[in-house]
Amino acid sequence: MSTNISLKRINKLAVPALIAGVSEPILSLTDAAIVGNVAFNATESLAAVGIVTTFLSMLIWVLGQTRSAISSIVSQYVGANNLDKIKSLPAQAMFIITSLSVLIIIGTYPFANQIFKLYNASGLILEYSVDYYRIRVFGFPFTLFTIAVFGAFRGLQNTYYPMLIAIIGTFTNIALDLVLVYGIDGLIVPMHIKGAAYASVIAQLLMAVFAAYYLLKKTPIPLKLSFPFNKEINRFILMIVNLFIRTIALNVTLYYASAFATSYGATYIAAYTIAINLWFLGAFIVDGYSSAGNILSGKLYGGKEYKLLIKLSNKLIKYGIVIGILVAFVGGVFYYPLGNVFTNDPEVLNQFYSIFWIVLAMQPLCTLAFIFDGIFKGLGKMKVLRNVLLIATFLVFIPILFWLDKLDYKLYAIFTAITFWIVARGFPLIIIFRKIFIPLSKNS
């Protein structure tokens, strides 16, 4: 029986995945918006949240690749109707990744000061960054566990329960941010930036609890760790290694962007923080359709339905471009109100407004890159993703950034380089995909 790739089916997977995906940047955007409006040192606080969020995103993206690897393997076995053969794999993967996250905490907590100096943070910004990180980092294992559970659900062609879990975490974080950052007269003392960090950790813990509950109650996949390791563990680890290298390259981009913005001064890093978090928001909106591509491509590949795989890619290209244009349009309509959500500092707003149009203009290009990222992850072709991103980062982004920085373009340099980086990520994937699967579709 052929896999359903109708628009209705794609949306049934994509919309819940979109909602779940948007919750991730909303956690950081909420911290940024609330901390950026505190009564004192708001600009320094906003800058600190931006720096720490960049570093935490690096850690989460590096180790959170378990979601893609688990999803790819599970979906391919679902497509081949052999799910029983890999039921033990998700629990083993979760054990490996959460163990690594504990080691990350032990390895980074004592050196937080030195880490954020590498981001050019100093003075009050450095002090706030260290305070914020030394609380936020304890939510790291819960986040990685939840991400791995989401991978299992995706492989099972289910994005509904991840959406519920994400909604719970998002609303918990928003409510706790308001309470803990600003306090409640006579009940809770305002905790400033530390309150935002505590709010995030509690929300992450709650999401992990619900993730475990829904996985046990709604799927045939157990959480009990068993040995020996599943036969697919070697392929899983190889996927993780390739995605690890790829994500290091991705975070080289984010590191240089953040470090350059910080070196320009507090006003620039604050403006960059707003712009890059809105960029992340746009990326995670598209991630719903990227997830649908990931989920369906894995199943189609496992079932050797190559003609449908080509049709799926063509549909997702059309949907992606439309979504990118809509995101850019909405951003344009709310161009000035969006800045005021995060800060009232006129200097920060001036810098933000000067480059936000670049963030919006690149959205259709982002959709193509992110959707084909998802497709290749579903196919399990992580080596291709690794090589493309290495080229995009080291042969495109970094040379353009350093060149434009020398010309003193500041934030323009950063976001122009990111635009070319996105182009170098997306179009090669489309070409490689069609080169592999068009011949296969003709022979199937």
Protein backbone atom coordinates (compact mmCIF):
# COMPACT_ATOMS: atom_id res chain seq x y z
CA MET A 1 0.00 0.00 0.00
CA SER A 2 1.47 3.36 -1.08
CA THR A 3 2.39 5.97 1.51
CA ASN A 4 0.02 8.93 1.64
CA ILE A 5 1.84 12.17 0.68
CA SER A 6 -1.21 14.37 0.14
CA LEU A 7 -1.21 17.96 1.36
CA LYS A 8 -3.62 16.91 4.12
CA ARG A 9 -1.20 14.21 5.30
CA ILE A 10 1.81 16.53 5.08
CA ASN A 11 -0.03 19.19 7.09
CA LYS A 12 -1.16 16.60 9.64
CA LEU A 13 2.52 15.93 10.33
CA ALA A 14 3.86 19.43 9.69
CA VAL A 15 1.48 21.62 11.71
CA PRO A 16 1.98 19.82 15.06
CA ALA A 17 5.73 19.63 14.32
CA LEU A 18 5.69 23.36 13.52
CA ILE A 19 4.03 24.15 16.86
CA ALA A 20 6.45 21.87 18.70
CA GLY A 21 9.43 23.36 16.85
CA VAL A 22 8.43 26.96 17.48
CA SER A 23 8.39 26.24 21.23
CA GLU A 24 12.17 25.83 21.22
CA PRO A 25 13.06 29.39 20.11
CA ILE A 26 10.10 30.76 22.08
CA LEU A 27 11.81 29.61 25.29
CA SER A 28 14.81 31.78 24.44
CA LEU A 29 12.72 34.59 22.93
CA THR A 30 10.64 34.73 26.13
CA ASP A 31 13.76 35.04 28.24
CA ALA A 32 15.09 37.73 25.89
CA ALA A 33 11.83 39.71 25.79
CA ILE A 34 11.26 39.66 29.54
CA VAL A 35 14.87 40.20 30.58
CA GLY A 36 15.26 42.91 27.93
CA ASN A 37 12.58 44.95 29.67
CA VAL A 38 13.79 44.77 33.28
CA ALA A 39 14.14 48.02 35.20
CA PHE A 40 17.95 48.09 35.31
CA ASN A 41 20.82 46.93 33.06
CA ALA A 42 18.33 45.70 30.47
CA THR A 43 20.72 45.95 27.51
CA GLU A 44 23.48 44.03 29.33
CA SER A 45 20.96 41.40 30.46
CA LEU A 46 19.62 40.97 26.93
CA ALA A 47 23.17 40.63 25.60
CA ALA A 48 23.97 37.97 28.22
CA VAL A 49 20.88 35.95 27.32
CA GLY A 50 21.90 36.13 23.65
CA ILE A 51 25.45 34.92 24.31
CA VAL A 52 24.39 32.04 26.56
CA THR A 53 21.58 31.04 24.21
CA THR A 54 24.10 30.83 21.37
CA PHE A 55 26.38 28.56 23.42
CA LEU A 56 23.53 26.37 24.69
CA SER A 57 22.13 26.10 21.17
CA MET A 58 25.52 24.79 20.08
CA LEU A 59 25.47 22.10 22.79
CA ILE A 60 21.85 21.14 22.12
CA TRP A 61 22.34 21.00 18.34
CA VAL A 62 25.48 18.91 18.70
CA LEU A 63 24.02 16.30 21.05
CA GLY A 64 20.39 16.76 20.05
CA GLN A 65 21.10 15.14 16.68
CA THR A 66 19.84 11.92 18.27
CA ARG A 67 16.37 13.08 17.22
CA SER A 68 17.27 12.94 13.54
CA ALA A 69 19.18 9.66 13.82
CA ILE A 70 16.45 7.89 15.81
CA SER A 71 13.74 9.28 13.54
CA SER A 72 15.58 8.15 10.41
CA ILE A 73 16.14 4.57 11.57
CA VAL A 74 12.68 4.13 13.11
CA SER A 75 10.87 5.58 10.07
CA GLN A 76 12.82 3.36 7.67
CA TYR A 77 11.90 0.28 9.71
CA VAL A 78 8.27 1.43 9.81
CA GLY A 79 8.38 1.73 6.01
CA ALA A 80 9.82 -1.80 5.74
CA ASN A 81 7.24 -3.06 8.29
CA ASN A 82 10.00 -4.30 10.66
CA LEU A 83 9.61 -2.04 13.72
CA ASP A 84 10.05 -4.93 16.20
CA LYS A 85 13.68 -5.26 15.17
CA ILE A 86 14.70 -1.87 16.56
CA LYS A 87 12.40 -1.36 19.58
CA SER A 88 15.37 -1.47 21.97
CA LEU A 89 17.35 1.20 20.09
CA PRO A 90 15.65 4.42 21.33
CA ALA A 91 16.21 3.65 25.04
CA GLN A 92 19.86 2.80 24.34
CA ALA A 93 20.28 6.04 22.40
CA MET A 94 18.68 8.07 25.21
CA PHE A 95 21.02 6.47 27.75
CA ILE A 96 24.10 7.36 25.69
CA ILE A 97 23.08 10.95 25.05
CA THR A 98 21.91 11.81 28.58
CA SER A 99 25.13 10.35 29.98
CA LEU A 100 27.10 12.65 27.68
CA SER A 101 25.02 15.62 28.81
CA VAL A 102 26.01 15.03 32.44
CA LEU A 103 29.66 15.03 31.39
CA ILE A 104 29.05 18.34 29.56
CA ILE A 105 27.71 19.90 32.78
CA ILE A 106 30.72 18.69 34.76
CA GLY A 107 33.10 19.92 32.06
CA THR A 108 31.62 23.40 31.48
CA TYR A 109 30.19 24.56 34.83
CA PRO A 110 33.55 25.41 36.48
CA PHE A 111 34.80 27.16 33.32
CA ALA A 112 31.76 29.29 32.49
CA ASN A 113 33.74 32.51 32.96
CA GLN A 114 36.44 31.41 30.52
CA ILE A 115 33.88 30.10 28.00
CA PHE A 116 32.01 33.39 27.71
CA LYS A 117 35.20 35.42 27.53
CA LEU A 118 35.72 33.55 24.24
CA TYR A 119 32.52 35.24 23.07
CA ASN A 120 34.13 38.60 23.88
CA ALA A 121 31.88 39.09 26.91
CA SER A 122 33.30 41.29 29.67
CA GLY A 123 32.22 43.31 32.69
CA LEU A 124 28.55 43.15 33.58
CA ILE A 125 27.67 41.17 30.44
CA LEU A 126 30.17 38.47 31.44
CA GLU A 127 28.87 38.40 35.02
CA TYR A 128 25.26 38.00 33.86
CA SER A 129 26.24 35.36 31.29
CA VAL A 130 27.93 33.22 33.95
CA ASP A 131 25.00 33.59 36.38
CA TYR A 132 22.46 32.67 33.70
CA TYR A 133 24.43 29.72 32.33
CA ARG A 134 25.22 28.10 35.67
CA ILE A 135 21.49 27.66 36.22
CA ARG A 136 20.31 26.99 32.65
CA VAL A 137 22.83 24.20 32.08
CA PHE A 138 21.06 21.92 34.57
CA GLY A 139 18.12 21.70 32.18
CA PHE A 140 20.43 20.26 29.52
CA PRO A 141 19.87 16.51 30.25
CA PHE A 142 16.10 17.00 30.34
CA THR A 143 16.17 18.80 26.99
CA LEU A 144 18.24 16.08 25.31
CA PHE A 145 16.03 13.34 26.70
CA THR A 146 12.93 15.11 25.39
CA ILE A 147 14.53 15.65 21.97
CA ALA A 148 15.36 11.93 21.73
CA VAL A 149 11.76 11.02 22.60
CA PHE A 150 10.57 13.41 19.88
CA GLY A 151 12.79 11.48 17.44
CA ALA A 152 11.06 8.22 18.35
CA PHE A 153 7.64 9.80 17.84
CA ARG A 154 8.70 11.24 14.47
CA GLY A 155 9.92 7.85 13.33
CA LEU A 156 6.51 6.44 14.22
CA GLN A 157 4.91 9.12 11.98
CA ASN A 158 3.47 10.96 14.98
CA THR A 159 4.01 14.66 15.71
CA TYR A 160 0.91 15.18 17.85
CA TYR A 161 2.34 14.19 21.24
CA PRO A 162 5.58 16.16 20.77
CA MET A 163 3.34 19.16 20.09
CA LEU A 164 1.45 18.66 23.37
CA ILE A 165 4.70 18.31 25.31
CA ALA A 166 6.13 21.44 23.70
CA ILE A 167 3.00 23.48 24.45
CA ILE A 168 3.18 22.45 28.11
CA GLY A 169 6.83 23.49 28.30
CA THR A 170 6.30 26.80 26.50
CA PHE A 171 3.42 28.04 28.63
CA THR A 172 5.15 26.89 31.81
CA ASN A 173 8.27 28.82 30.83
CA ILE A 174 6.35 32.01 29.98
CA ALA A 175 4.40 31.94 33.26
CA LEU A 176 7.47 31.23 35.38
CA ASP A 177 9.49 33.90 33.54
CA LEU A 178 6.98 36.57 34.50
CA VAL A 179 6.80 35.38 38.10
CA LEU A 180 10.49 34.74 38.77
CA VAL A 181 12.06 37.64 36.82
CA TYR A 182 9.72 40.38 38.04
CA GLY A 183 8.58 38.73 41.29
CA ILE A 184 5.27 39.08 43.11
CA ASP A 185 4.91 41.76 45.78
CA GLY A 186 4.99 40.21 49.22
CA LEU A 187 5.45 36.66 47.89
CA ILE A 188 8.42 36.27 45.53
CA VAL A 189 11.49 38.51 45.37
CA PRO A 190 12.41 39.54 41.79
CA MET A 191 15.27 37.33 40.60
CA HIS A 192 16.18 39.23 37.41
CA ILE A 193 18.21 37.14 34.93
CA LYS A 194 18.53 34.21 37.34
CA GLY A 195 14.73 33.96 37.44
CA ALA A 196 14.64 33.49 33.67
CA ALA A 197 17.18 30.68 33.97
CA TYR A 198 15.21 28.89 36.71
CA ALA A 199 12.01 29.21 34.66
CA SER A 200 13.66 27.48 31.70
CA VAL A 201 15.06 24.62 33.79
CA ILE A 202 11.69 23.90 35.44
CA ALA A 203 9.96 23.95 32.04
CA GLN A 204 12.55 21.56 30.60
CA LEU A 205 12.10 19.15 33.52
CA LEU A 206 8.33 19.16 33.09
CA MET A 207 8.66 18.46 29.36
CA ALA A 208 10.92 15.47 30.07
CA VAL A 209 8.38 14.02 32.49
CA PHE A 210 5.53 14.31 29.98
CA ALA A 211 7.76 12.96 27.18
CA ALA A 212 8.45 9.80 29.17
CA TYR A 213 4.76 9.43 30.05
CA TYR A 214 3.47 9.72 26.47
CA LEU A 215 6.17 7.46 25.02
CA LEU A 216 5.30 4.70 27.50
CA LYS A 217 1.54 5.09 27.21
CA LYS A 218 1.08 5.82 23.50
CA THR A 219 3.79 3.82 21.69
CA PRO A 220 5.18 0.26 21.64
CA ILE A 221 8.68 1.58 22.35
CA PRO A 222 10.00 0.84 25.88
CA LEU A 223 12.15 3.13 28.01
CA LYS A 224 13.79 0.25 29.89
CA LEU A 225 17.46 -0.04 29.00
CA SER A 226 18.39 -3.50 27.70
CA PHE A 227 21.54 -5.19 26.41
CA PRO A 228 23.16 -6.26 24.18
CA PHE A 229 23.06 -3.16 21.99
CA ASN A 230 20.72 -3.24 19.03
CA LYS A 231 22.30 -4.20 15.69
CA GLU A 232 21.58 -0.68 14.40
CA ILE A 233 23.56 1.02 17.16
CA ASN A 234 26.67 1.24 14.94
CA ARG A 235 24.70 2.98 12.18
CA PHE A 236 23.14 5.24 14.80
CA ILE A 237 26.57 6.21 16.17
CA LEU A 238 27.95 6.82 12.66
CA MET A 239 24.99 9.10 11.93
CA ILE A 240 25.64 10.95 15.18
CA VAL A 241 29.35 11.36 14.38
CA ASN A 242 28.57 12.82 10.93
CA LEU A 243 25.88 15.07 12.39
CA PHE A 244 28.26 16.03 15.20
CA ILE A 245 30.87 17.23 12.70
CA ARG A 246 28.14 18.97 10.72
CA THR A 247 26.80 20.69 13.81
CA ILE A 248 30.26 21.81 14.86
CA ALA A 249 30.49 23.55 11.48
CA LEU A 250 27.04 25.06 12.02
CA ASN A 251 28.09 26.37 15.40
CA VAL A 252 31.33 27.78 14.03
CA THR A 253 28.99 30.02 12.03
CA LEU A 254 26.97 30.98 15.11
CA TYR A 255 30.10 31.47 17.20
CA TYR A 256 31.71 33.86 14.74
CA ALA A 257 28.45 35.73 14.22
CA SER A 258 27.96 36.16 17.98
CA ALA A 259 31.61 36.93 18.71
CA PHE A 260 31.80 39.60 15.99
CA ALA A 261 28.53 41.18 17.15
CA THR A 262 29.78 41.22 20.76
CA SER A 263 33.07 42.83 19.72
CA TYR A 264 31.13 45.75 18.23
CA GLY A 265 29.67 46.63 21.66
CA ALA A 266 26.63 46.03 23.88
CA THR A 267 24.24 47.83 21.51
CA TYR A 268 25.22 45.60 18.58
CA ILE A 269 25.09 42.29 20.46
CA ALA A 270 21.67 43.24 21.87
CA ALA A 271 20.38 44.03 18.35
CA TYR A 272 21.98 40.85 17.02
CA THR A 273 20.32 38.84 19.82
CA ILE A 274 16.86 40.06 18.78
CA ALA A 275 17.51 39.49 15.06
CA ILE A 276 19.07 36.03 15.38
CA ASN A 277 16.35 34.80 17.74
CA LEU A 278 13.70 35.94 15.25
CA TRP A 279 15.72 34.17 12.55
CA PHE A 280 15.60 31.02 14.70
CA LEU A 281 11.84 31.50 15.07
CA GLY A 282 11.45 31.60 11.27
CA ALA A 283 13.66 28.52 10.98
CA PHE A 284 11.56 26.56 13.44
CA ILE A 285 8.33 27.57 11.69
CA VAL A 286 9.71 25.99 8.53
CA ASP A 287 10.94 23.04 10.60
CA GLY A 288 7.36 21.73 10.67
CA TYR A 289 7.57 20.99 6.94
CA SER A 290 11.18 19.92 7.28
CA SER A 291 9.96 17.41 9.88
CA ALA A 292 7.24 16.17 7.54
CA GLY A 293 9.91 15.68 4.88
CA ASN A 294 12.10 13.88 7.39
CA ILE A 295 9.30 11.57 8.55
CA LEU A 296 7.84 10.73 5.14
CA SER A 297 11.14 10.46 3.25
CA GLY A 298 12.44 7.93 5.76
CA LYS A 299 9.34 5.79 5.38
CA LEU A 300 9.33 6.08 1.57
CA TYR A 301 13.04 5.22 1.42
CA GLY A 302 12.53 2.22 3.71
CA GLY A 303 9.66 1.04 1.49
CA LYS A 304 11.63 1.79 -1.73
CA GLU A 305 8.87 4.09 -3.00
CA TYR A 306 11.21 6.29 -5.05
CA LYS A 307 8.62 7.85 -7.38
CA LEU A 308 6.64 9.08 -4.40
CA LEU A 309 9.86 10.37 -2.86
CA ILE A 310 10.46 12.60 -5.89
CA LYS A 311 6.83 13.80 -5.79
CA LEU A 312 7.20 14.55 -2.07
CA SER A 313 10.32 16.66 -2.65
CA ASN A 314 8.62 18.66 -5.42
CA LYS A 315 5.60 19.36 -3.22
CA LEU A 316 7.78 20.44 -0.30
CA ILE A 317 9.76 22.84 -2.50
CA LYS A 318 6.51 24.59 -3.49
CA TYR A 319 5.13 24.65 0.06
CA GLY A 320 8.45 25.82 1.45
CA ILE A 321 8.76 28.80 -0.86
CA VAL A 322 5.19 29.88 -0.09
CA ILE A 323 5.81 29.57 3.66
CA GLY A 324 9.07 31.54 3.40
CA ILE A 325 7.31 34.36 1.56
CA LEU A 326 4.50 34.39 4.15
CA VAL A 327 6.97 34.54 7.04
CA ALA A 328 8.77 37.44 5.35
CA PHE A 329 5.46 39.22 4.71
CA VAL A 330 4.27 38.88 8.32
CA GLY A 331 7.67 40.05 9.56
CA GLY A 332 7.41 43.06 7.28
CA VAL A 333 3.93 43.97 8.56
CA PHE A 334 5.14 43.84 12.17
CA TYR A 335 8.61 45.20 11.40
CA TYR A 336 8.67 47.95 14.04
CA PRO A 337 6.39 46.45 16.73
CA LEU A 338 8.61 43.34 16.87
CA GLY A 339 11.61 45.38 17.97
CA ASN A 340 9.66 47.10 20.73
CA VAL A 341 8.67 43.73 22.17
CA PHE A 342 12.30 43.14 23.16
CA THR A 343 13.67 46.53 24.11
CA ASN A 344 12.93 50.23 24.31
CA ASP A 345 16.57 51.26 23.89
CA PRO A 346 16.56 53.53 20.79
CA GLU A 347 20.18 52.71 19.87
CA VAL A 348 19.52 48.96 19.97
CA LEU A 349 16.32 49.39 17.98
CA ASN A 350 18.09 51.50 15.36
CA GLN A 351 20.69 48.77 14.78
CA PHE A 352 18.03 46.03 14.76
CA TYR A 353 15.80 47.81 12.24
CA SER A 354 18.77 48.45 9.96
CA ILE A 355 19.37 44.72 9.36
CA PHE A 356 16.06 42.97 10.09
CA TRP A 357 15.06 43.27 6.42
CA ILE A 358 17.94 40.91 5.54
CA VAL A 359 16.55 38.31 7.96
CA LEU A 360 13.16 38.56 6.27
CA ALA A 361 14.51 38.55 2.71
CA MET A 362 16.39 35.28 3.23
CA GLN A 363 13.34 33.37 4.55
CA PRO A 364 12.36 31.66 1.23
CA LEU A 365 15.98 30.54 0.84
CA CYS A 366 15.98 29.25 4.42
CA THR A 367 12.89 27.13 3.75
CA LEU A 368 14.58 25.26 0.90
CA ALA A 369 17.74 24.62 2.94
CA PHE A 370 15.87 23.44 6.03
CA ILE A 371 13.36 21.25 4.16
CA PHE A 372 16.13 19.39 2.33
CA ASP A 373 18.07 19.11 5.58
CA GLY A 374 15.03 17.25 6.88
CA ILE A 375 14.72 15.04 3.80
CA PHE A 376 18.37 13.99 3.91
CA LYS A 377 18.11 13.26 7.63
CA GLY A 378 15.10 11.05 6.95
CA LEU A 379 17.12 9.21 4.29
CA GLY A 380 19.94 8.73 6.79
CA LYS A 381 22.43 10.39 4.42
CA MET A 382 24.23 12.33 7.12
CA LYS A 383 27.59 12.26 5.32
CA VAL A 384 26.15 14.43 2.52
CA LEU A 385 24.78 16.90 5.08
CA ARG A 386 28.16 16.99 6.81
CA ASN A 387 30.12 17.75 3.63
CA VAL A 388 27.71 20.41 2.35
CA LEU A 389 27.75 22.32 5.64
CA LEU A 390 31.54 22.14 5.95
CA ILE A 391 31.84 23.74 2.51
CA ALA A 392 29.14 26.34 3.24
CA THR A 393 30.77 27.35 6.53
CA PHE A 394 34.48 27.35 5.76
CA LEU A 395 34.47 28.28 2.07
CA VAL A 396 31.48 30.63 2.00
CA PHE A 397 30.40 32.08 5.37
CA ILE A 398 33.76 32.74 7.04
CA PRO A 399 35.50 34.35 4.01
CA ILE A 400 32.50 36.62 3.34
CA LEU A 401 32.17 37.59 7.03
CA PHE A 402 35.84 38.51 7.41
CA TRP A 403 35.85 40.41 4.12
CA LEU A 404 32.75 42.47 4.94
CA ASP A 405 33.93 43.02 8.51
CA LYS A 406 37.14 44.53 7.14
CA LEU A 407 34.91 46.95 5.25
CA ASP A 408 33.32 47.88 8.62
CA TYR A 409 29.83 46.65 7.71
CA LYS A 410 29.28 45.27 11.24
CA LEU A 411 25.81 43.66 11.50
CA TYR A 412 25.38 43.93 7.74
CA ALA A 413 28.50 41.78 7.38
CA ILE A 414 27.10 39.11 9.70
CA PHE A 415 23.66 38.77 8.12
CA THR A 416 24.90 39.05 4.54
CA ALA A 417 27.35 36.22 5.24
CA ILE A 418 24.52 34.16 6.79
CA THR A 419 22.43 34.68 3.62
CA PHE A 420 25.17 33.31 1.36
CA TRP A 421 25.71 30.48 3.84
CA ILE A 422 22.05 29.49 3.52
CA VAL A 423 22.27 29.48 -0.29
CA ALA A 424 25.37 27.26 -0.14
CA ARG A 425 23.51 24.86 2.15
CA GLY A 426 20.25 24.52 0.25
CA PHE A 427 20.88 24.38 -3.48
CA PRO A 428 23.58 21.66 -3.44
CA LEU A 429 21.23 19.38 -1.46
CA ILE A 430 18.47 19.80 -4.07
CA ILE A 431 20.91 18.96 -6.87
CA ILE A 432 22.35 15.90 -5.07
CA PHE A 433 18.89 14.60 -4.15
CA ARG A 434 17.60 14.75 -7.71
CA LYS A 435 20.80 13.21 -9.08
CA ILE A 436 20.37 10.17 -6.78
CA PHE A 437 16.65 9.58 -6.85
CA ILE A 438 15.39 10.58 -10.30
CA PRO A 439 17.23 7.57 -11.87
CA LEU A 440 15.94 5.28 -9.10
CA SER A 441 12.37 6.52 -9.61
CA LYS A 442 12.55 5.64 -13.32
CA ASN A 443 13.68 2.10 -12.53
CA SER A 444 11.15 1.40 -9.76
